[in-house]
């Protein structure tokens, strides 16, 4: 049981290593990696999956959900394009 009086150390955010484009369709990401790419929290990723605004994960095992890097990149790019101001 964690000690409620002792402050917890924050987790270090580890940057993702660059992935070559030819491997992007086969690279699988954890929910923490997806959240880091989206610059959101883990709970936000799961909330968007429940709402249907983010793709459902592929379960490698019953307790190991993963997302394809190419799918995540496409969604992040589409949302960035949708929120970008229109130029005339």
PDB file of N, CA and C in Angstrom:
ATOM      1  N   UNK A   1       0.853  -1.179   0.000  1.00  0.00           N
ATOM      2  CA  UNK A   1       0.000   0.000   0.000  1.00  0.00           C
ATOM      3  C   UNK A   1       0.896   1.239   0.000  1.00  0.00           C
ATOM      4  N   UNK A   2       0.654   2.178  -0.923  1.00  0.00           N
ATOM      5  CA  UNK A   2       1.498   3.369  -0.972  1.00  0.00           C
ATOM      6  C   UNK A   2       1.272   4.256   0.245  1.00  0.00           C
ATOM      7  N   UNK A   3       2.324   4.916   0.639  1.00  0.00           N
ATOM      8  CA  UNK A   3       2.269   5.823   1.770  1.00  0.00           C
ATOM      9  C   UNK A   3       1.616   7.134   1.311  1.00  0.00           C
ATOM     10  N   UNK A   4       0.468   7.524   1.892  1.00  0.00           N
ATOM     11  CA  UNK A   4      -0.217   8.744   1.446  1.00  0.00           C
ATOM     12  C   UNK A   4       0.544  10.019   1.793  1.00  0.00           C
ATOM     13  N   UNK A   5       1.468   9.945   2.731  1.00  0.00           N
ATOM     14  CA  UNK A   5       2.220  11.130   3.125  1.00  0.00           C
ATOM     15  C   UNK A   5       3.458  11.356   2.266  1.00  0.00           C
ATOM     16  N   UNK A   6       3.916  10.332   1.614  1.00  0.00           N
ATOM     17  CA  UNK A   6       5.108  10.449   0.794  1.00  0.00           C
ATOM     18  C   UNK A   6       4.697  10.819  -0.635  1.00  0.00           C
ATOM     19  N   UNK A   7       5.209  11.931  -1.156  1.00  0.00           N
ATOM     20  CA  UNK A   7       4.811  12.321  -2.514  1.00  0.00           C
ATOM     21  C   UNK A   7       5.373  11.338  -3.547  1.00  0.00           C
ATOM     22  N   UNK A   8       4.569  11.076  -4.579  1.00  0.00           N
ATOM     23  CA  UNK A   8       5.001  10.176  -5.639  1.00  0.00           C
ATOM     24  C   UNK A   8       5.853  10.941  -6.634  1.00  0.00           C
ATOM     25  N   UNK A   9       6.872  10.257  -7.136  1.00  0.00           N
ATOM     26  CA  UNK A   9       7.696  10.863  -8.181  1.00  0.00           C
ATOM     27  C   UNK A   9       6.927  10.820  -9.496  1.00  0.00           C
ATOM     28  N   UNK A  10       6.949  11.905 -10.256  1.00  0.00           N
ATOM     29  CA  UNK A  10       6.271  11.859 -11.552  1.00  0.00           C
ATOM     30  C   UNK A  10       7.016  10.932 -12.504  1.00  0.00           C
ATOM     31  N   UNK A  11       6.260  10.279 -13.393  1.00  0.00           N
ATOM     32  CA  UNK A  11       6.884   9.402 -14.383  1.00  0.00           C
ATOM     33  C   UNK A  11       7.624  10.245 -15.410  1.00  0.00           C
ATOM     34  N   UNK A  12       8.771   9.716 -15.825  1.00  0.00           N
ATOM     35  CA  UNK A  12       9.517  10.397 -16.874  1.00  0.00           C
ATOM     36  C   UNK A  12       8.844  10.130 -18.209  1.00  0.00           C
ATOM     37  N   UNK A  13       8.710  11.165 -18.999  1.00  0.00           N
ATOM     38  CA  UNK A  13       8.157  10.986 -20.331  1.00  0.00           C
ATOM     39  C   UNK A  13       9.319  10.689 -21.265  1.00  0.00           C
ATOM     40  N   UNK A  14       9.273   9.519 -21.851  1.00  0.00           N
ATOM     41  CA  UNK A  14      10.333   9.091 -22.744  1.00  0.00           C
ATOM     42  C   UNK A  14       9.882   9.358 -24.172  1.00  0.00           C
ATOM     43  N   UNK A  15      10.671  10.115 -24.942  1.00  0.00           N
ATOM     44  CA  UNK A  15      10.255  10.371 -26.318  1.00  0.00           C
ATOM     45  C   UNK A  15      10.321   9.105 -27.156  1.00  0.00           C
ATOM     46  N   UNK A  16       9.407   9.028 -28.119  1.00  0.00           N
ATOM     47  CA  UNK A  16       9.393   7.875 -29.006  1.00  0.00           C
ATOM     48  C   UNK A  16      10.535   7.980 -30.003  1.00  0.00           C
ATOM     49  N   UNK A  17      11.195   6.870 -30.282  1.00  0.00           N
ATOM     50  CA  UNK A  17      12.240   6.917 -31.303  1.00  0.00           C
ATOM     51  C   UNK A  17      11.607   7.077 -32.676  1.00  0.00           C
ATOM     52  N   UNK A  18      12.321   7.695 -33.621  1.00  0.00           N
ATOM     53  CA  UNK A  18      11.745   7.841 -34.957  1.00  0.00           C
ATOM     54  C   UNK A  18      11.561   6.481 -35.622  1.00  0.00           C
ATOM     55  N   UNK A  19      10.452   6.341 -36.328  1.00  0.00           N
ATOM     56  CA  UNK A  19      10.137   5.093 -37.025  1.00  0.00           C
ATOM     57  C   UNK A  19      10.153   5.382 -38.520  1.00  0.00           C
ATOM     58  N   UNK A  20      10.902   4.614 -39.302  1.00  0.00           N
ATOM     59  CA  UNK A  20      10.889   4.823 -40.755  1.00  0.00           C
ATOM     60  C   UNK A  20       9.482   4.631 -41.316  1.00  0.00           C
ATOM     61  N   UNK A  21       9.152   5.394 -42.344  1.00  0.00           N
ATOM     62  CA  UNK A  21       7.808   5.338 -42.913  1.00  0.00           C
ATOM     63  C   UNK A  21       7.446   3.962 -43.447  1.00  0.00           C
ATOM     64  N   UNK A  22       8.431   3.216 -43.946  1.00  0.00           N
ATOM     65  CA  UNK A  22       8.110   1.904 -44.503  1.00  0.00           C
ATOM     66  C   UNK A  22       7.750   0.878 -43.427  1.00  0.00           C
ATOM     67  N   UNK A  23       8.025   1.191 -42.168  1.00  0.00           N
ATOM     68  CA  UNK A  23       7.641   0.290 -41.065  1.00  0.00           C
ATOM     69  C   UNK A  23       6.422   0.794 -40.295  1.00  0.00           C
ATOM     70  N   UNK A  24       5.909   1.953 -40.666  1.00  0.00           N
ATOM     71  CA  UNK A  24       4.832   2.574 -39.894  1.00  0.00           C
ATOM     72  C   UNK A  24       3.569   1.726 -39.882  1.00  0.00           C
ATOM     73  N   UNK A  25       3.286   1.009 -40.955  1.00  0.00           N
ATOM     74  CA  UNK A  25       2.051   0.235 -40.978  1.00  0.00           C
ATOM     75  C   UNK A  25       2.131  -0.995 -40.081  1.00  0.00           C
ATOM     76  N   UNK A  26       3.335  -1.422 -39.728  1.00  0.00           N
ATOM     77  CA  UNK A  26       3.501  -2.626 -38.918  1.00  0.00           C
ATOM     78  C   UNK A  26       3.862  -2.341 -37.467  1.00  0.00           C
ATOM     79  N   UNK A  27       4.181  -1.106 -37.141  1.00  0.00           N
ATOM     80  CA  UNK A  27       4.570  -0.755 -35.789  1.00  0.00           C
ATOM     81  C   UNK A  27       3.334  -0.632 -34.911  1.00  0.00           C
ATOM     82  N   UNK A  28       3.358  -1.274 -33.746  1.00  0.00           N
ATOM     83  CA  UNK A  28       2.242  -1.238 -32.804  1.00  0.00           C
ATOM     84  C   UNK A  28       2.628  -0.407 -31.591  1.00  0.00           C
ATOM     85  N   UNK A  29       1.692   0.427 -31.140  1.00  0.00           N
ATOM     86  CA  UNK A  29       1.941   1.332 -30.021  1.00  0.00           C
ATOM     87  C   UNK A  29       1.076   0.978 -28.821  1.00  0.00           C
ATOM     88  N   UNK A  30       1.609   1.218 -27.637  1.00  0.00           N
ATOM     89  CA  UNK A  30       0.837   1.048 -26.408  1.00  0.00           C
ATOM     90  C   UNK A  30      -0.053   2.267 -26.212  1.00  0.00           C
ATOM     91  N   UNK A  31      -0.948   2.201 -25.248  1.00  0.00           N
ATOM     92  CA  UNK A  31      -1.847   3.317 -24.997  1.00  0.00           C
ATOM     93  C   UNK A  31      -1.066   4.542 -24.511  1.00  0.00           C
ATOM     94  N   UNK A  32       0.007   4.352 -23.773  1.00  0.00           N
ATOM     95  CA  UNK A  32       0.822   5.492 -23.328  1.00  0.00           C
ATOM     96  C   UNK A  32       1.525   6.157 -24.502  1.00  0.00           C
ATOM     97  N   UNK A  33       1.996   5.356 -25.442  1.00  0.00           N
ATOM     98  CA  UNK A  33       2.650   5.914 -26.619  1.00  0.00           C
ATOM     99  C   UNK A  33       1.650   6.666 -27.497  1.00  0.00           C
ATOM    100  N   UNK A  34       0.441   6.121 -27.616  1.00  0.00           N
ATOM    101  CA  UNK A  34      -0.606   6.798 -28.380  1.00  0.00           C
ATOM    102  C   UNK A  34      -0.950   8.133 -27.720  1.00  0.00           C
ATOM    103  N   UNK A  35      -1.083   8.130 -26.410  1.00  0.00           N
ATOM    104  CA  UNK A  35      -1.393   9.361 -25.688  1.00  0.00           C
ATOM    105  C   UNK A  35      -0.285  10.395 -25.874  1.00  0.00           C
ATOM    106  N   UNK A  36       0.960   9.956 -25.884  1.00  0.00           N
ATOM    107  CA  UNK A  36       2.076  10.882 -26.086  1.00  0.00           C
ATOM    108  C   UNK A  36       2.044  11.479 -27.487  1.00  0.00           C
ATOM    109  N   UNK A  37       1.736  10.662 -28.485  1.00  0.00           N
ATOM    110  CA  UNK A  37       1.646  11.181 -29.855  1.00  0.00           C
ATOM    111  C   UNK A  37       0.501  12.173 -30.005  1.00  0.00           C
ATOM    112  N   UNK A  38      -0.594  11.915 -29.336  1.00  0.00           N
ATOM    113  CA  UNK A  38      -1.758  12.795 -29.415  1.00  0.00           C
ATOM    114  C   UNK A  38      -1.638  13.986 -28.476  1.00  0.00           C
ATOM    115  N   UNK A  39      -0.658  13.949 -27.594  1.00  0.00           N
ATOM    116  CA  UNK A  39      -0.487  14.972 -26.556  1.00  0.00           C
ATOM    117  C   UNK A  39      -1.745  15.078 -25.696  1.00  0.00           C
ATOM    118  N   UNK A  40      -2.191  13.903 -25.261  1.00  0.00           N
ATOM    119  CA  UNK A  40      -3.359  13.822 -24.387  1.00  0.00           C
ATOM    120  C   UNK A  40      -3.074  12.799 -23.301  1.00  0.00           C
ATOM    121  N   UNK A  41      -4.048  12.566 -22.472  1.00  0.00           N
ATOM    122  CA  UNK A  41      -3.885  11.579 -21.415  1.00  0.00           C
ATOM    123  C   UNK A  41      -4.370  10.209 -21.845  1.00  0.00           C
ATOM    124  N   UNK A  42      -3.981   9.213 -21.084  1.00  0.00           N
ATOM    125  CA  UNK A  42      -4.381   7.837 -21.366  1.00  0.00           C
ATOM    126  C   UNK A  42      -5.902   7.701 -21.268  1.00  0.00           C
ATOM    127  N   UNK A  43      -6.496   8.320 -20.270  1.00  0.00           N
ATOM    128  CA  UNK A  43      -7.944   8.229 -20.112  1.00  0.00           C
ATOM    129  C   UNK A  43      -8.672   8.892 -21.278  1.00  0.00           C
ATOM    130  N   UNK A  44      -8.086   9.927 -21.863  1.00  0.00           N
ATOM    131  CA  UNK A  44      -8.691  10.580 -23.023  1.00  0.00           C
ATOM    132  C   UNK A  44      -8.689   9.657 -24.230  1.00  0.00           C
ATOM    133  N   UNK A  45      -7.620   8.883 -24.395  1.00  0.00           N
ATOM    134  CA  UNK A  45      -7.573   7.917 -25.490  1.00  0.00           C
ATOM    135  C   UNK A  45      -8.710   6.915 -25.337  1.00  0.00           C
ATOM    136  N   UNK A  46      -8.865   6.355 -24.143  1.00  0.00           N
ATOM    137  CA  UNK A  46      -9.925   5.367 -23.920  1.00  0.00           C
ATOM    138  C   UNK A  46     -11.313   5.991 -24.048  1.00  0.00           C
ATOM    139  N   UNK A  47     -11.468   7.244 -23.621  1.00  0.00           N
ATOM    140  CA  UNK A  47     -12.754   7.923 -23.754  1.00  0.00           C
ATOM    141  C   UNK A  47     -13.119   8.095 -25.231  1.00  0.00           C
ATOM    142  N   UNK A  48     -12.127   8.459 -26.059  1.00  0.00           N
ATOM    143  CA  UNK A  48     -12.379   8.618 -27.489  1.00  0.00           C
ATOM    144  C   UNK A  48     -12.683   7.284 -28.165  1.00  0.00           C
ATOM    145  N   UNK A  49     -12.064   6.218 -27.701  1.00  0.00           N
ATOM    146  CA  UNK A  49     -12.387   4.882 -28.235  1.00  0.00           C
ATOM    147  C   UNK A  49     -13.838   4.542 -27.894  1.00  0.00           C
ATOM    148  N   UNK A  50     -14.256   4.823 -26.677  1.00  0.00           N
ATOM    149  CA  UNK A  50     -15.630   4.531 -26.263  1.00  0.00           C
ATOM    150  C   UNK A  50     -16.642   5.370 -27.045  1.00  0.00           C
ATOM    151  N   UNK A  51     -16.280   6.618 -27.358  1.00  0.00           N
ATOM    152  CA  UNK A  51     -17.170   7.497 -28.126  1.00  0.00           C
ATOM    153  C   UNK A  51     -17.215   7.125 -29.607  1.00  0.00           C
ATOM    154  N   UNK A  52     -16.198   6.409 -30.061  1.00  0.00           N
ATOM    155  CA  UNK A  52     -16.134   6.055 -31.471  1.00  0.00           C
ATOM    156  C   UNK A  52     -15.385   7.059 -32.318  1.00  0.00           C
ATOM    157  N   UNK A  53     -14.692   8.005 -31.683  1.00  0.00           N
ATOM    158  CA  UNK A  53     -13.938   9.012 -32.431  1.00  0.00           C
ATOM    159  C   UNK A  53     -12.474   8.624 -32.613  1.00  0.00           C
ATOM    160  N   UNK A  54     -12.097   7.480 -32.090  1.00  0.00           N
ATOM    161  CA  UNK A  54     -10.736   6.964 -32.236  1.00  0.00           C
ATOM    162  C   UNK A  54     -10.854   5.461 -32.460  1.00  0.00           C
ATOM    163  N   UNK A  55      -9.997   4.881 -33.305  1.00  0.00           N
ATOM    164  CA  UNK A  55     -10.164   3.458 -33.627  1.00  0.00           C
ATOM    165  C   UNK A  55      -9.956   2.551 -32.417  1.00  0.00           C
ATOM    166  N   UNK A  56     -10.632   1.430 -32.454  1.00  0.00           N
ATOM    167  CA  UNK A  56     -10.474   0.435 -31.396  1.00  0.00           C
ATOM    168  C   UNK A  56      -9.100  -0.211 -31.526  1.00  0.00           C
ATOM    169  N   UNK A  57      -8.512  -0.626 -30.425  1.00  0.00           N
ATOM    170  CA  UNK A  57      -7.178  -1.232 -30.483  1.00  0.00           C
ATOM    171  C   UNK A  57      -7.216  -2.668 -30.998  1.00  0.00           C
ATOM    172  N   UNK A  58      -6.059  -3.132 -31.364  1.00  0.00           N
ATOM    173  CA  UNK A  58      -5.847  -4.537 -31.702  1.00  0.00           C
ATOM    174  C   UNK A  58      -5.309  -5.177 -30.436  1.00  0.00           C
ATOM    175  N   UNK A  59      -5.911  -6.258 -30.000  1.00  0.00           N
ATOM    176  CA  UNK A  59      -5.445  -6.916 -28.786  1.00  0.00           C
ATOM    177  C   UNK A  59      -4.443  -8.000 -29.157  1.00  0.00           C
ATOM    178  N   UNK A  60      -3.182  -7.765 -28.814  1.00  0.00           N
ATOM    179  CA  UNK A  60      -2.124  -8.745 -29.060  1.00  0.00           C
ATOM    180  C   UNK A  60      -2.336  -9.952 -28.153  1.00  0.00           C
ATOM    181  N   UNK A  61      -2.651  -9.677 -26.896  1.00  0.00           N
ATOM    182  CA  UNK A  61      -3.126 -10.685 -25.946  1.00  0.00           C
ATOM    183  C   UNK A  61      -4.355 -10.081 -25.286  1.00  0.00           C
ATOM    184  N   UNK A  62      -4.963 -10.801 -24.385  1.00  0.00           N
ATOM    185  CA  UNK A  62      -6.194 -10.297 -23.769  1.00  0.00           C
ATOM    186  C   UNK A  62      -5.971  -9.028 -22.949  1.00  0.00           C
ATOM    187  N   UNK A  63      -4.728  -8.772 -22.545  1.00  0.00           N
ATOM    188  CA  UNK A  63      -4.441  -7.588 -21.731  1.00  0.00           C
ATOM    189  C   UNK A  63      -3.434  -6.657 -22.376  1.00  0.00           C
ATOM    190  N   UNK A  64      -3.265  -6.746 -23.683  1.00  0.00           N
ATOM    191  CA  UNK A  64      -2.261  -5.920 -24.359  1.00  0.00           C
ATOM    192  C   UNK A  64      -2.853  -5.234 -25.586  1.00  0.00           C
ATOM    193  N   UNK A  65      -3.596  -4.136 -25.372  1.00  0.00           N
ATOM    194  CA  UNK A  65      -4.142  -3.418 -26.524  1.00  0.00           C
ATOM    195  C   UNK A  65      -3.045  -2.624 -27.233  1.00  0.00           C
ATOM    196  N   UNK A  66      -3.102  -2.621 -28.567  1.00  0.00           N
ATOM    197  CA  UNK A  66      -2.111  -1.897 -29.363  1.00  0.00           C
ATOM    198  C   UNK A  66      -2.817  -1.214 -30.526  1.00  0.00           C
ATOM    199  N   UNK A  67      -2.234  -0.105 -30.990  1.00  0.00           N
ATOM    200  CA  UNK A  67      -2.731   0.612 -32.151  1.00  0.00           C
ATOM    201  C   UNK A  67      -1.632   0.657 -33.204  1.00  0.00           C
ATOM    202  N   UNK A  68      -2.022   0.647 -34.479  1.00  0.00           N
ATOM    203  CA  UNK A  68      -1.053   0.779 -35.564  1.00  0.00           C
ATOM    204  C   UNK A  68      -0.587   2.218 -35.644  1.00  0.00           C
ATOM    205  N   UNK A  69       0.711   2.409 -35.773  1.00  0.00           N
ATOM    206  CA  UNK A  69       1.285   3.746 -35.848  1.00  0.00           C
ATOM    207  C   UNK A  69       0.728   4.510 -37.039  1.00  0.00           C
ATOM    208  N   UNK A  70       0.580   3.856 -38.180  1.00  0.00           N
ATOM    209  CA  UNK A  70       0.069   4.539 -39.373  1.00  0.00           C
ATOM    210  C   UNK A  70      -1.342   5.070 -39.134  1.00  0.00           C
ATOM    211  N   UNK A  71      -2.187   4.308 -38.427  1.00  0.00           N
ATOM    212  CA  UNK A  71      -3.552   4.759 -38.135  1.00  0.00           C
ATOM    213  C   UNK A  71      -3.540   5.978 -37.214  1.00  0.00           C
ATOM    214  N   UNK A  72      -2.698   5.941 -36.206  1.00  0.00           N
ATOM    215  CA  UNK A  72      -2.622   7.053 -35.250  1.00  0.00           C
ATOM    216  C   UNK A  72      -2.089   8.300 -35.948  1.00  0.00           C
ATOM    217  N   UNK A  73      -1.043   8.148 -36.762  1.00  0.00           N
ATOM    218  CA  UNK A  73      -0.506   9.301 -37.491  1.00  0.00           C
ATOM    219  C   UNK A  73      -1.557   9.909 -38.405  1.00  0.00           C
ATOM    220  N   UNK A  74      -2.341   9.077 -39.072  1.00  0.00           N
ATOM    221  CA  UNK A  74      -3.365   9.581 -39.985  1.00  0.00           C
ATOM    222  C   UNK A  74      -4.427  10.370 -39.233  1.00  0.00           C
ATOM    223  N   UNK A  75      -4.841   9.881 -38.088  1.00  0.00           N
ATOM    224  CA  UNK A  75      -5.872  10.576 -37.309  1.00  0.00           C
ATOM    225  C   UNK A  75      -5.334  11.883 -36.751  1.00  0.00           C
ATOM    226  N   UNK A  76      -4.109  11.878 -36.251  1.00  0.00           N
ATOM    227  CA  UNK A  76      -3.510  13.104 -35.724  1.00  0.00           C
ATOM    228  C   UNK A  76      -3.377  14.141 -36.834  1.00  0.00           C
ATOM    229  N   UNK A  77      -2.954  13.717 -38.026  1.00  0.00           N
ATOM    230  CA  UNK A  77      -2.811  14.643 -39.152  1.00  0.00           C
ATOM    231  C   UNK A  77      -4.166  15.180 -39.599  1.00  0.00           C
ATOM    232  N   UNK A  78      -5.190  14.329 -39.617  1.00  0.00           N
ATOM    233  CA  UNK A  78      -6.525  14.766 -40.026  1.00  0.00           C
ATOM    234  C   UNK A  78      -7.095  15.777 -39.031  1.00  0.00           C
ATOM    235  N   UNK A  79      -6.886  15.540 -37.758  1.00  0.00           N
ATOM    236  CA  UNK A  79      -7.388  16.488 -36.756  1.00  0.00           C
ATOM    237  C   UNK A  79      -6.629  17.802 -36.814  1.00  0.00           C
ATOM    238  N   UNK A  80      -5.324  17.734 -37.099  1.00  0.00           N
ATOM    239  CA  UNK A  80      -4.538  18.959 -37.216  1.00  0.00           C
ATOM    240  C   UNK A  80      -5.001  19.772 -38.420  1.00  0.00           C
ATOM    241  N   UNK A  81      -5.315  19.085 -39.525  1.00  0.00           N
ATOM    242  CA  UNK A  81      -5.786  19.779 -40.720  1.00  0.00           C
ATOM    243  C   UNK A  81      -7.172  20.372 -40.488  1.00  0.00           C
ATOM    244  N   UNK A  82      -7.998  19.692 -39.720  1.00  0.00           N
ATOM    245  CA  UNK A  82      -9.351  20.180 -39.456  1.00  0.00           C
ATOM    246  C   UNK A  82      -9.343  21.396 -38.535  1.00  0.00           C
ATOM    247  N   UNK A  83      -8.389  21.485 -37.647  1.00  0.00           N
ATOM    248  CA  UNK A  83      -8.337  22.609 -36.719  1.00  0.00           C
ATOM    249  C   UNK A  83      -7.452  23.747 -37.202  1.00  0.00           C
ATOM    250  N   UNK A  84      -6.731  23.541 -38.293  1.00  0.00           N
ATOM    251  CA  UNK A  84      -5.861  24.589 -38.824  1.00  0.00           C
ATOM    252  C   UNK A  84      -6.736  25.718 -39.393  1.00  0.00           C
ATOM    253  N   UNK A  85      -6.300  26.959 -39.201  1.00  0.00           N
ATOM    254  CA  UNK A  85      -7.087  28.072 -39.751  1.00  0.00           C
ATOM    255  C   UNK A  85      -7.032  28.061 -41.282  1.00  0.00           C
ATOM    256  N   UNK A  86      -8.141  28.394 -41.869  1.00  0.00           N
ATOM    257  CA  UNK A  86      -8.221  28.421 -43.328  1.00  0.00           C
ATOM    258  C   UNK A  86      -7.468  29.634 -43.870  1.00  0.00           C
ATOM    259  N   UNK A  87      -6.688  29.416 -44.902  1.00  0.00           N
ATOM    260  CA  UNK A  87      -5.948  30.516 -45.529  1.00  0.00           C
ATOM    261  C   UNK A  87      -6.592  30.818 -46.870  1.00  0.00           C
ATOM    262  N   UNK A  88      -6.659  32.085 -47.175  1.00  0.00           N
ATOM    263  CA  UNK A  88      -7.280  32.482 -48.435  1.00  0.00           C
ATOM    264  C   UNK A  88      -6.282  32.980 -49.408  1.00  0.00           C
TER     265      UNK A  88
END
